[in-house]
Protein backbone atom coordinates (compact mmCIF):
# COMPACT_ATOMS: atom_id res chain seq x y z
CA UNK A 1 -86.28 37.47 62.89
CA UNK A 2 -86.49 35.40 59.70
CA UNK A 3 -83.20 34.81 57.91
CA UNK A 4 -84.65 33.29 54.76
CA UNK A 5 -86.75 34.37 51.81
CA UNK A 6 -87.61 32.90 48.46
CA UNK A 7 -85.29 33.19 45.49
CA UNK A 8 -85.79 33.51 41.74
CA UNK A 9 -84.01 30.88 39.63
CA UNK A 10 -82.30 30.74 36.27
CA UNK A 11 -82.99 28.45 33.32
CA UNK A 12 -82.03 24.75 33.43
CA UNK A 13 -80.00 24.73 36.66
CA UNK A 14 -78.43 27.08 39.18
CA UNK A 15 -74.64 26.92 39.66
CA UNK A 16 -72.89 27.82 42.89
CA UNK A 17 -71.93 31.52 43.19
CA UNK A 18 -68.43 32.24 41.90
CA UNK A 19 -67.02 33.05 45.36
CA UNK A 20 -68.32 29.76 46.82
CA UNK A 21 -67.02 27.77 43.85
CA UNK A 22 -63.59 29.35 44.29
CA UNK A 23 -63.69 28.56 48.00
CA UNK A 24 -64.52 24.88 47.40
CA UNK A 25 -61.78 24.60 44.80
CA UNK A 26 -59.21 26.25 47.08
CA UNK A 27 -60.04 23.74 49.82
CA UNK A 28 -59.55 20.85 47.41
CA UNK A 29 -63.17 19.69 47.50
CA UNK A 30 -63.57 20.32 43.78
CA UNK A 31 -60.61 19.00 41.80
CA UNK A 32 -61.74 19.63 38.24
CA UNK A 33 -61.82 15.88 37.60
CA UNK A 34 -64.78 14.30 35.72
CA UNK A 35 -66.45 11.26 37.21
CA UNK A 36 -65.00 8.81 34.71
CA UNK A 37 -61.65 9.39 36.42
CA UNK A 38 -62.91 7.49 39.50
CA UNK A 39 -62.68 4.29 37.47
CA UNK A 40 -59.79 5.20 35.17
CA UNK A 41 -57.47 6.13 38.04
CA UNK A 42 -58.25 2.90 39.90
CA UNK A 43 -57.58 0.96 36.69
CA UNK A 44 -54.10 2.47 36.65
CA UNK A 45 -53.46 1.68 40.33
CA UNK A 46 -55.14 -1.75 40.54
CA UNK A 47 -55.46 -3.13 36.97
CA UNK A 48 -55.79 -6.78 37.98
CA UNK A 49 -58.01 -6.28 41.03
CA UNK A 50 -61.60 -7.53 40.66
CA UNK A 51 -63.77 -4.46 40.24
CA UNK A 52 -67.20 -5.89 39.49
CA UNK A 53 -69.09 -9.15 39.96
CA UNK A 54 -72.47 -9.71 38.31
CA UNK A 55 -73.65 -13.29 38.62
CA UNK A 56 -71.08 -15.47 36.87
CA UNK A 57 -69.51 -12.47 35.11
CA UNK A 58 -66.43 -10.75 36.57
CA UNK A 59 -64.39 -7.74 35.47
CA UNK A 60 -60.99 -6.52 36.56
CA UNK A 61 -60.47 -2.77 36.83
CA UNK A 62 -58.54 -2.75 33.58
CA UNK A 63 -61.23 -4.68 31.70
CA UNK A 64 -64.09 -2.62 33.14
CA UNK A 65 -62.38 0.62 32.13
CA UNK A 66 -61.69 -0.74 28.64
CA UNK A 67 -65.34 -1.79 28.30
CA UNK A 68 -66.52 1.69 29.31
CA UNK A 69 -64.17 3.32 26.80
CA UNK A 70 -65.38 1.01 24.02
CA UNK A 71 -69.00 1.76 24.88
CA UNK A 72 -68.15 5.47 24.85
CA UNK A 73 -66.80 5.00 21.34
CA UNK A 74 -70.07 3.39 20.31
CA UNK A 75 -72.11 6.18 21.86
CA UNK A 76 -69.96 8.75 20.09
CA UNK A 77 -70.45 6.99 16.75
CA UNK A 78 -74.17 6.99 17.45
CA UNK A 79 -74.06 10.77 17.74
CA UNK A 80 -74.28 11.17 21.52
CA UNK A 81 -72.67 14.54 22.24
CA UNK A 82 -71.45 16.42 25.33
CA UNK A 83 -74.46 17.83 27.16
CA UNK A 84 -76.89 15.25 25.78
CA UNK A 85 -79.28 13.60 28.21
CA UNK A 86 -79.69 9.82 28.14
CA UNK A 87 -82.39 8.21 30.28
CA UNK A 88 -80.89 5.17 32.02
CA UNK A 89 -83.35 2.55 33.27
CA UNK A 90 -81.62 -0.68 34.20
CA UNK A 91 -81.75 -3.14 37.10
CA UNK A 92 -78.66 -4.07 39.10
CA UNK A 93 -76.57 -5.36 36.23
CA UNK A 94 -73.01 -4.59 35.19
CA UNK A 95 -74.25 -2.65 32.17
CA UNK A 96 -75.61 0.05 34.49
CA UNK A 97 -72.17 1.06 35.75
CA UNK A 98 -70.51 0.54 32.37
CA UNK A 99 -73.11 2.84 30.79
CA UNK A 100 -72.54 5.54 33.41
CA UNK A 101 -68.78 5.65 32.86
CA UNK A 102 -69.22 5.52 29.07
CA UNK A 103 -71.67 8.43 29.12
CA UNK A 104 -69.36 10.47 31.37
CA UNK A 105 -66.49 9.78 28.96
CA UNK A 106 -68.36 11.54 26.16
CA UNK A 107 -69.72 14.29 28.43
CA UNK A 108 -73.33 13.05 28.30
CA UNK A 109 -75.63 13.04 31.32
CA UNK A 110 -77.45 9.91 32.51
CA UNK A 111 -80.96 10.54 33.86
CA UNK A 112 -81.31 8.02 36.69
CA UNK A 113 -84.69 6.36 36.19
CA UNK A 114 -85.72 3.45 38.40
CA UNK A 115 -86.68 0.00 37.09
CA UNK A 116 -90.18 0.47 38.49
CA UNK A 117 -90.92 3.63 36.51
CA UNK A 118 -93.52 3.26 33.79
CA UNK A 119 -94.90 5.29 30.90
CA UNK A 120 -96.01 8.35 32.90
CA UNK A 121 -92.60 8.95 34.44
CA UNK A 122 -90.43 7.79 31.54
CA UNK A 123 -92.27 9.95 29.02
CA UNK A 124 -91.80 12.93 31.32
CA UNK A 125 -88.08 12.29 31.79
CA UNK A 126 -87.52 12.04 28.04
CA UNK A 127 -89.56 15.12 27.16
CA UNK A 128 -88.47 17.35 30.06
CA UNK A 129 -84.76 16.78 29.46
CA UNK A 130 -84.95 16.59 25.68
CA UNK A 131 -83.27 13.20 25.96
CA UNK A 132 -81.41 12.00 22.88
CA UNK A 133 -81.46 8.33 23.87
CA UNK A 134 -82.70 5.88 26.47
CA UNK A 135 -80.94 2.75 27.71
CA UNK A 136 -83.33 0.09 29.02
CA UNK A 137 -83.52 -3.62 29.78
CA UNK A 138 -85.39 -5.85 27.35
CA UNK A 139 -87.87 -7.01 29.97
CA UNK A 140 -88.26 -6.27 33.63
CA UNK A 141 -89.88 -7.92 36.65
CA UNK A 142 -93.15 -9.71 35.87
CA UNK A 143 -92.22 -9.65 32.18
CA UNK A 144 -92.83 -5.94 31.68
CA UNK A 145 -91.82 -4.87 28.16
CA UNK A 146 -89.57 -1.80 28.51
CA UNK A 147 -88.71 -1.78 24.82
CA UNK A 148 -92.33 -1.52 23.74
CA UNK A 149 -92.91 1.27 26.27
CA UNK A 150 -89.94 3.25 24.95
CA UNK A 151 -91.11 2.65 21.41
CA UNK A 152 -94.38 4.41 22.22
CA UNK A 153 -92.55 7.24 23.97
CA UNK A 154 -90.10 7.64 21.08
CA UNK A 155 -92.99 8.09 18.65
CA UNK A 156 -94.24 11.02 20.76
CA UNK A 157 -90.88 12.62 21.67
CA UNK A 158 -89.04 14.33 18.79
CA UNK A 159 -85.72 14.57 20.65
CA UNK A 160 -85.55 10.84 21.39
CA UNK A 161 -83.52 9.32 18.54
CA UNK A 162 -82.30 6.03 19.97
CA UNK A 163 -83.55 3.23 22.21
CA UNK A 164 -80.62 1.11 23.39
CA UNK A 165 -81.46 -2.30 24.82
CA UNK A 166 -79.58 -4.45 27.32
CA UNK A 167 -80.46 -8.10 26.80
CA UNK A 168 -81.09 -9.36 30.32
CA UNK A 169 -83.30 -12.33 29.37
CA UNK A 170 -81.78 -13.54 26.12
CA UNK A 171 -83.24 -13.26 22.65
CA UNK A 172 -82.77 -10.46 20.14
CA UNK A 173 -85.57 -7.99 20.73
CA UNK A 174 -83.49 -5.04 19.51
CA UNK A 175 -83.83 -5.87 15.81
CA UNK A 176 -87.57 -6.43 15.91
CA UNK A 177 -88.21 -3.23 17.84
CA UNK A 178 -85.94 -0.99 15.77
CA UNK A 179 -83.72 -0.59 18.83
CA UNK A 180 -79.97 -0.80 19.24
CA UNK A 181 -78.22 -3.59 21.08
CA UNK A 182 -76.18 -2.29 24.00
CA UNK A 183 -73.59 -5.00 23.39
CA UNK A 184 -73.04 -3.75 19.84
CA UNK A 185 -71.81 -0.37 21.14
CA UNK A 186 -68.66 -2.06 22.48
CA UNK A 187 -67.74 -3.23 18.98
CA UNK A 188 -66.49 0.28 18.14
CA UNK A 189 -62.97 1.58 18.84
CA UNK A 190 -62.55 3.29 22.22
CA UNK A 191 -63.40 6.96 22.33
CA UNK A 192 -60.29 8.99 21.42
CA UNK A 193 -58.32 10.53 24.27
CA UNK A 194 -59.07 13.97 22.82
CA UNK A 195 -62.66 13.50 24.02
CA UNK A 196 -61.61 12.85 27.62
CA UNK A 197 -61.46 16.52 28.56
CA UNK A 198 -64.88 16.91 30.15
CA UNK A 199 -65.43 20.15 32.10
CA UNK A 200 -65.95 19.02 35.69
CA UNK A 201 -68.04 22.10 36.49
CA UNK A 202 -70.74 20.93 34.06
CA UNK A 203 -73.64 18.61 34.81
CA UNK A 204 -72.74 14.95 35.17
CA UNK A 205 -76.12 13.36 35.88
CA UNK A 206 -79.72 14.03 36.81
CA UNK A 207 -81.16 12.20 39.76
CA UNK A 208 -84.76 12.11 40.92
CA UNK A 209 -86.30 13.77 43.94
CA UNK A 210 -88.84 12.01 46.12
CA UNK A 211 -91.09 14.93 45.22
CA UNK A 212 -94.39 16.00 46.73
CA UNK A 213 -96.04 17.68 43.77
CA UNK A 214 -96.67 15.60 40.68
CA UNK A 215 -93.83 13.91 38.85
CA UNK A 216 -90.30 13.76 40.32
CA UNK A 217 -88.12 16.84 40.12
CA UNK A 218 -84.75 16.34 38.43
CA UNK A 219 -81.66 16.96 40.53
CA UNK A 220 -78.65 18.37 38.65
CA UNK A 221 -75.32 17.08 39.96
CA UNK A 222 -71.98 18.24 38.57
CA UNK A 223 -68.83 16.16 38.21
CA UNK A 224 -67.07 18.29 40.81
CA UNK A 225 -69.70 18.18 43.53
CA UNK A 226 -70.63 14.52 43.06
CA UNK A 227 -67.02 13.32 42.94
CA UNK A 228 -66.31 15.18 46.17
CA UNK A 229 -69.28 13.53 47.88
CA UNK A 230 -68.11 10.08 46.70
CA UNK A 231 -64.46 10.56 47.75
CA UNK A 232 -65.30 12.05 51.14
CA UNK A 233 -67.89 9.35 51.83
CA UNK A 234 -65.45 6.57 50.96
CA UNK A 235 -62.84 8.12 53.25
CA UNK A 236 -65.30 8.47 56.15
CA UNK A 237 -66.41 4.86 55.72
CA UNK A 238 -62.80 3.70 55.34
CA UNK A 239 -63.39 1.88 52.07
CA UNK A 240 -60.24 0.25 50.67
CA UNK A 241 -59.01 -2.42 48.26
CA UNK A 242 -60.24 -4.96 50.84
CA UNK A 243 -63.84 -3.70 50.65
CA UNK A 244 -66.32 -6.09 49.03
CA UNK A 245 -69.62 -4.24 48.70
CA UNK A 246 -72.96 -5.92 48.03
CA UNK A 247 -75.23 -3.60 46.00
CA UNK A 248 -78.76 -4.85 46.58
CA UNK A 249 -80.74 -1.58 46.51
CA UNK A 250 -81.56 -0.19 43.02
CA UNK A 251 -78.33 1.32 41.69
CA UNK A 252 -80.02 4.50 40.44
CA UNK A 253 -80.73 5.58 44.02
CA UNK A 254 -78.20 8.01 45.45
CA UNK A 255 -77.57 5.83 48.52
CA UNK A 256 -76.19 2.71 46.73
CA UNK A 257 -74.61 4.81 43.99
CA UNK A 258 -72.58 7.37 45.93
CA UNK A 259 -72.94 7.13 49.70
CA UNK A 260 -70.27 5.75 49.33
CA UNK A 261 -72.00 3.13 47.22
CA UNK A 262 -70.66 1.53 44.10
CA UNK A 263 -68.80 4.65 42.99
CA UNK A 264 -67.09 4.89 46.37
CA UNK A 265 -65.97 1.28 46.12
CA UNK A 266 -64.55 1.79 42.62
CA UNK A 267 -62.75 4.94 43.79
CA UNK A 268 -61.19 2.97 46.67
CA UNK A 269 -60.19 -0.03 44.54
CA UNK A 270 -62.57 -2.50 46.18
CA UNK A 271 -65.01 -4.98 44.65
CA UNK A 272 -68.69 -4.37 43.81
CA UNK A 273 -70.99 -7.39 43.90
CA UNK A 274 -74.36 -6.81 42.21
CA UNK A 275 -77.58 -8.44 43.33
CA UNK A 276 -81.11 -7.91 42.01
CA UNK A 277 -83.04 -9.59 44.82
CA UNK A 278 -82.95 -8.73 48.50
CA UNK A 279 -84.49 -11.90 49.89
CA UNK A 280 -82.36 -13.54 52.60
CA UNK A 281 -82.18 -16.83 50.69
CA UNK A 282 -80.36 -15.02 47.87
CA UNK A 283 -78.36 -12.48 49.82
CA UNK A 284 -76.76 -14.51 52.60
CA UNK A 285 -75.30 -17.26 50.39
CA UNK A 286 -73.92 -14.50 48.14
CA UNK A 287 -72.31 -12.79 51.13
CA UNK A 288 -70.60 -16.06 52.00
CA UNK A 289 -69.57 -16.89 48.43
CA UNK A 290 -68.04 -13.50 47.58
CA UNK A 291 -66.69 -12.58 51.01
CA UNK A 292 -68.88 -9.48 51.23
CA UNK A 293 -67.73 -7.02 53.90
CA UNK A 294 -70.16 -4.10 53.43
CA UNK A 295 -73.70 -3.55 52.25
CA UNK A 296 -76.38 -0.83 52.32
CA UNK A 297 -80.07 -1.44 53.01
CA UNK A 298 -83.28 0.36 53.94
CA UNK A 299 -84.96 -0.43 57.29
CA UNK A 300 -87.60 -2.85 55.92
CA UNK A 301 -84.92 -4.92 54.22
CA UNK A 302 -82.84 -4.94 57.39
CA UNK A 303 -85.88 -6.26 59.28
CA UNK A 304 -86.49 -8.95 56.66
CA UNK A 305 -82.90 -10.12 57.07
CA UNK A 306 -83.20 -10.07 60.85
CA UNK A 307 -86.33 -12.22 60.67
CA UNK A 308 -84.71 -14.84 58.43
CA UNK A 309 -84.08 -18.28 59.98
CA UNK A 310 -80.81 -18.51 61.87
CA UNK A 311 -79.62 -21.23 59.51
CA UNK A 312 -79.88 -18.70 56.64
CA UNK A 313 -78.45 -15.73 58.54
CA UNK A 314 -75.47 -17.80 59.64
CA UNK A 315 -74.20 -17.74 56.05
CA UNK A 316 -73.78 -13.98 56.30
CA UNK A 317 -71.58 -13.94 59.38
CA UNK A 318 -68.66 -12.57 57.37
CA UNK A 319 -70.47 -9.26 56.84
CA UNK A 320 -68.58 -6.57 58.74
CA UNK A 321 -70.67 -3.43 58.15
CA UNK A 322 -74.32 -2.75 57.44
CA UNK A 323 -75.28 0.75 56.37
CA UNK A 324 -78.94 1.62 56.92
CA UNK A 325 -80.59 4.67 55.37
CA UNK A 326 -83.42 5.78 53.11
CA UNK A 327 -85.83 6.05 56.03
CA UNK A 328 -85.49 6.54 59.77
CA UNK A 329 -84.22 3.44 61.57
CA UNK A 330 -85.90 2.77 64.90
CA UNK A 331 -83.50 2.35 67.85
CA UNK A 332 -84.98 -1.09 68.56
CA UNK A 333 -84.15 -2.38 65.09
CA UNK A 334 -80.76 -0.69 65.22
CA UNK A 335 -79.93 -2.58 68.40
CA UNK A 336 -81.09 -5.86 66.86
CA UNK A 337 -78.74 -5.36 63.92
CA UNK A 338 -75.79 -4.96 66.26
CA UNK A 339 -76.68 -7.88 68.53
CA UNK A 340 -78.20 -10.38 66.08
CA UNK A 341 -76.41 -9.80 62.77
CA UNK A 342 -72.92 -9.94 64.21
CA UNK A 343 -71.82 -6.89 62.21
CA UNK A 344 -71.32 -3.19 62.88
CA UNK A 345 -74.00 -0.63 62.05
CA UNK A 346 -73.62 2.69 60.28
CA UNK A 347 -76.63 4.97 60.03
CA UNK A 348 -76.89 7.13 56.91
CA UNK A 349 -79.24 10.07 56.44
CA UNK A 350 -79.12 11.96 53.20
CA UNK A 351 -80.82 13.04 50.03
CA UNK A 352 -80.09 13.02 46.33
CA UNK A 353 -80.15 16.83 46.46
CA UNK A 354 -76.86 16.69 48.33
CA UNK A 355 -76.48 16.63 52.11
CA UNK A 356 -75.38 13.24 53.49
CA UNK A 357 -74.77 12.37 57.15
CA UNK A 358 -73.02 9.33 58.60
CA UNK A 359 -72.47 7.95 62.05
CA UNK A 360 -68.72 7.47 62.39
CA UNK A 361 -66.84 4.32 63.24
CA UNK A 362 -65.53 5.87 66.46
CA UNK A 363 -68.92 7.19 67.63
CA UNK A 364 -70.22 5.90 70.94
CA UNK A 365 -72.57 2.89 70.60
CA UNK A 366 -75.53 4.93 71.87
CA UNK A 367 -74.86 7.60 69.23
CA UNK A 368 -74.82 4.98 66.47
CA UNK A 369 -78.06 3.43 67.72
CA UNK A 370 -80.02 6.65 68.30
CA UNK A 371 -78.85 9.22 65.71
CA UNK A 372 -78.67 9.52 61.96
CA UNK A 373 -75.09 10.79 61.87
CA UNK A 374 -73.44 14.10 61.08
CA UNK A 375 -72.53 15.78 57.79
CA UNK A 376 -69.73 14.79 55.43
CA UNK A 377 -68.06 18.17 55.10
CA UNK A 378 -66.79 20.89 57.44
CA UNK A 379 -68.38 23.26 54.91
CA UNK A 380 -71.84 21.72 55.10
CA UNK A 381 -74.00 24.52 56.49
CA UNK A 382 -77.16 23.51 58.36
CA UNK A 383 -80.04 25.64 59.59
CA UNK A 384 -82.87 24.30 61.74
CA UNK A 385 -85.78 26.73 61.81
CA UNK A 386 -89.37 27.01 62.99
CA UNK A 387 -92.41 27.54 60.77
CA UNK A 388 -91.43 31.21 60.36
CA UNK A 389 -87.82 30.48 59.35
CA UNK A 390 -86.51 31.56 62.73
CA UNK A 391 -83.55 29.42 63.90
CA UNK A 392 -84.23 27.15 66.88
CA UNK A 393 -81.68 26.10 69.54
CA UNK A 394 -79.81 22.78 69.39
CA UNK A 395 -82.00 19.95 70.60
CA UNK A 396 -85.26 21.60 69.49
CA UNK A 397 -87.06 20.06 66.49
CA UNK A 398 -87.34 22.21 63.40
CA UNK A 399 -87.21 22.30 59.62
CA UNK A 400 -83.81 21.34 58.22
CA UNK A 401 -82.20 23.55 55.57
CA UNK A 402 -78.78 22.90 54.04
CA UNK A 403 -76.21 24.24 51.63
CA UNK A 404 -72.63 23.27 50.90
CA UNK A 405 -70.12 21.96 48.38
CA UNK A 406 -72.34 19.11 47.15
CA UNK A 407 -75.89 20.35 47.83
CA UNK A 408 -77.68 21.68 44.77
CA UNK A 409 -78.83 25.28 44.38
CA UNK A 410 -81.95 24.47 42.35
CA UNK A 411 -83.79 21.69 40.52
CA UNK A 412 -83.45 21.22 36.77
CA UNK A 413 -85.85 23.43 34.75
CA UNK A 414 -88.17 23.99 37.72
CA UNK A 415 -88.20 27.75 38.36
CA UNK A 416 -91.57 27.88 40.09
CA UNK A 417 -90.77 25.02 42.44
CA UNK A 418 -87.29 26.36 43.13
CA UNK A 419 -88.76 29.61 44.41
CA UNK A 420 -90.33 27.59 47.23
CA UNK A 421 -87.63 24.96 47.73
CA UNK A 422 -84.61 27.28 48.07
CA UNK A 423 -83.91 30.46 50.02
CA UNK A 424 -82.44 33.64 48.60
CA UNK A 425 -79.01 32.69 49.92
CA UNK A 426 -79.11 29.18 48.49
CA UNK A 427 -80.27 27.00 51.38
CA UNK A 428 -82.20 23.92 50.29
CA UNK A 429 -85.40 23.30 52.25
CA UNK A 430 -85.13 19.55 52.79
CA UNK A 431 -88.64 19.01 54.16
CA UNK A 432 -87.22 17.02 57.09
CA UNK A 433 -87.95 17.84 60.71
CA UNK A 434 -84.85 17.17 62.81
CA UNK A 435 -83.05 17.89 66.06
CA UNK A 436 -79.35 18.71 65.98
CA UNK A 437 -77.41 17.65 69.07
CA UNK A 438 -74.50 19.57 70.55
CA UNK A 439 -72.18 16.98 69.00
CA UNK A 440 -73.50 17.90 65.54
CA UNK A 441 -75.34 14.60 65.12
CA UNK A 442 -78.83 14.70 63.64
CA UNK A 443 -81.93 12.98 64.94
CA UNK A 444 -84.68 12.77 62.32
CA UNK A 445 -88.13 13.41 63.76
CA UNK A 446 -90.24 13.20 60.59
CA UNK A 447 -91.22 14.84 57.32
CA UNK A 448 -92.86 18.17 56.68
CA UNK A 449 -93.39 17.42 52.99
CA UNK A 450 -96.53 15.77 51.70
CA UNK A 451 -95.10 12.42 50.70
CA UNK A 452 -95.15 8.86 51.96
CA UNK A 453 -91.87 7.13 52.77
CA UNK A 454 -92.76 3.52 52.03
CA UNK A 455 -89.66 1.59 53.09
CA UNK A 456 -87.34 4.17 51.56
CA UNK A 457 -89.37 4.68 48.37
CA UNK A 458 -90.74 8.23 48.36
CA UNK A 459 -94.30 8.45 47.01
CA UNK A 460 -95.51 11.96 46.10
CA UNK A 461 -99.10 12.23 47.30
CA UNK A 462 -100.22 14.75 44.71
CA UNK A 463 -99.08 12.63 41.77
CA UNK A 464 -101.10 9.62 42.93
CA UNK A 465 -104.08 11.83 43.79
CA UNK A 466 -104.00 13.31 40.28
CA UNK A 467 -104.21 9.84 38.75
CA UNK A 468 -107.04 8.78 41.09
CA UNK A 469 -109.00 11.93 40.33
CA UNK A 470 -108.95 11.00 36.65
CA UNK A 471 -111.19 8.01 37.45
CA UNK A 472 -114.76 8.78 36.37
CA UNK A 473 -116.24 7.72 39.72
CA UNK A 474 -113.79 9.62 41.97
CA UNK A 475 -114.91 13.11 42.95
CA UNK A 476 -112.18 13.86 45.49
CA UNK A 477 -109.06 12.06 46.68
CA UNK A 478 -106.36 12.27 49.33
CA UNK A 479 -103.33 10.03 49.78
CA UNK A 480 -101.99 9.89 53.32
CA UNK A 481 -99.47 7.85 55.26
CA UNK A 482 -100.48 5.26 57.81
CA UNK A 483 -97.97 3.69 60.20
CA UNK A 484 -96.59 0.25 59.36
CA UNK A 485 -94.40 -1.93 61.55
CA UNK A 486 -92.22 -3.19 58.68
CA UNK A 487 -92.19 -0.42 56.06
CA UNK A 488 -92.42 2.55 58.41
CA UNK A 489 -95.32 3.95 56.38
CA UNK A 490 -97.89 2.61 53.96
CA UNK A 491 -100.20 4.67 51.78
CA UNK A 492 -103.96 4.96 52.09
CA UNK A 493 -106.18 6.57 49.47
CA UNK A 494 -109.29 8.20 50.91
CA UNK A 495 -111.81 8.70 48.12
CA UNK A 496 -115.10 10.51 47.67
CA UNK A 497 -117.27 8.60 45.21
CA UNK A 498 -120.83 9.94 45.27
CA UNK A 499 -122.20 7.22 42.99
CA UNK A 500 -120.63 3.83 42.30
CA UNK A 501 -117.60 2.93 44.40
CA UNK A 502 -114.99 1.15 42.27
CA UNK A 503 -113.47 -2.02 43.67
CA UNK A 504 -109.83 -2.23 44.70
CA UNK A 505 -109.18 -4.45 41.69
CA UNK A 506 -110.76 -1.88 39.37
CA UNK A 507 -108.66 0.93 40.85
CA UNK A 508 -105.45 -1.07 40.50
CA UNK A 509 -106.30 -1.83 36.88
CA UNK A 510 -107.03 1.86 36.27
CA UNK A 511 -103.69 3.00 37.71
CA UNK A 512 -101.87 0.31 35.74
CA UNK A 513 -103.48 1.53 32.51
CA UNK A 514 -102.33 5.08 33.31
CA UNK A 515 -98.72 3.91 33.58
CA UNK A 516 -98.22 4.60 37.28
CA UNK A 517 -95.32 2.78 38.97
CA UNK A 518 -96.43 -0.26 40.95
CA UNK A 519 -94.79 0.90 44.18
CA UNK A 520 -96.98 4.01 44.10
CA UNK A 521 -100.26 2.06 44.13
CA UNK A 522 -102.13 2.75 47.40
CA UNK A 523 -101.86 -0.05 49.93
CA UNK A 524 -105.30 0.70 51.33
CA UNK A 525 -108.51 2.37 50.12
CA UNK A 526 -111.20 4.03 52.20
CA UNK A 527 -114.36 5.82 51.08
CA UNK A 528 -115.99 8.86 52.72
CA UNK A 529 -118.82 11.23 51.89
CA UNK A 530 -116.49 14.23 52.00
CA UNK A 531 -112.90 15.03 52.92
CA UNK A 532 -112.18 17.20 55.95
CA UNK A 533 -110.96 20.70 55.03
CA UNK A 534 -108.89 23.33 56.83
CA UNK A 535 -110.04 26.91 57.35
CA UNK A 536 -108.51 27.90 54.02
CA UNK A 537 -110.25 25.12 52.13
CA UNK A 538 -107.36 22.66 51.82
CA UNK A 539 -107.70 18.97 52.58
CA UNK A 540 -106.90 18.42 56.25
CA UNK A 541 -104.59 15.42 56.09
CA UNK A 542 -103.77 15.57 59.77
CA UNK A 543 -107.46 15.01 60.53
CA UNK A 544 -107.54 12.19 57.98
CA UNK A 545 -104.57 10.45 59.58
CA UNK A 546 -106.21 10.71 63.00
CA UNK A 547 -109.41 9.25 61.57
CA UNK A 548 -107.55 6.39 59.92
CA UNK A 549 -105.75 5.59 63.16
CA UNK A 550 -109.16 4.84 64.68
CA UNK A 551 -110.78 3.19 61.65
CA UNK A 552 -110.38 -0.52 60.91
CA UNK A 553 -109.34 -1.12 57.29
CA UNK A 554 -112.17 -1.77 54.88
CA UNK A 555 -112.17 -5.25 53.41
CA UNK A 556 -110.93 -5.40 49.79
């Protein structure tokens, strides 16, 4: 018998039912403390401890908290109000964390865009949230002009009043582009203490889903639920004032932000070391220089580090713990990390929508190598069901559904999608196919959702297909995953072009002109006369994947 049905949703976002909220508060999961307290409380306990390292720049806890309060004062003077949305698109620089704590001080909500997002996504984030401001870097990788992009978006988005620019490459672009210098915000007096009383039950930030249909869905996280996830994660991982954490994955991702991530380190009183490049020649000397004890990576990055010359890897021998998540880690690579890196491994399986699982430090070695951990909370509720929503026994693969004190009840302003993604009683349909062992540990078997997991970056097939179908020569299109030894999956676009077949270079240029993120570009292109269809007329991607497995790649 099925236990689950679809559920209607409310406007903007869906809070937890009152009885559940009371239960989580009574258990001490939700403390009514806004996220800015994670830093402010540590500044009181460890004022002189080094909180943050970014290149040659260093901040103590006291100085970092003062900086955030000054920035909050500048944001307040600019007119940023409680409940405002501010799109945050920065690389791994200190200004990212300072901006988060400043926005939380005034009750505003950062929208966590990634550095690789371009016009299509950024315009959507600004319009869909009614963003008041955007905080961006002056230029990004390959010299991309973020300020010019936001200038075009601002001209088309009535709500967007301010573009705030972090100068990462020198110069003074902000004046020429009618933008505001991020540094100038700190010239204002700190936000008054009377503005510190942020309601912890309100939204704190919007993260991005991997998505399978079009542009990313926005994930509403409250101060209460997110702070609980951070504190509990830091406790499970035994973070302390001795923790030195290397943040090498993009900070906007949930994994390096809160699992336990940079926020967990700041809660525990440790030190965050920021790095923008994951190449071994950059990372391992930095590990040695700063005495890094912990880091978090995705499987492809772990493999790149493993394959570095021994003379380079030797510089990272002080690393004590490597967390690996974002995509399933193969047991073979897991074993190599343990034997070749000289550090301990912790597997992490989670999602920005909430549920996070960790292997524990006292788990048996085989459990750490072969599973993706077990949930944070005793009140995390998991269901594993078949295609008809009927629960399956432990050990049998099925669709994973979850609810609990830090798992959302609905996406932001997405009623139609929520009706499919959540059950009547609030379980989130994760799209993952898993087995749950008797011990409670999870083994991830794959994905049910139509997306490609390219080394931890989730690529929604439908979004890319929509862009490809806009090409005048493309009649039909399907984006499917193909196995890859290093990234886990790569993407292949299978196109029907009845007349002229565009070259790979022409297709890349077309997608670039449409503002699609570079990481979403297909890795491979194939052309067919027609796409295989199921009995109900849908593209048969299973048949396509089987065909691709037996088809040599077409030359570029």
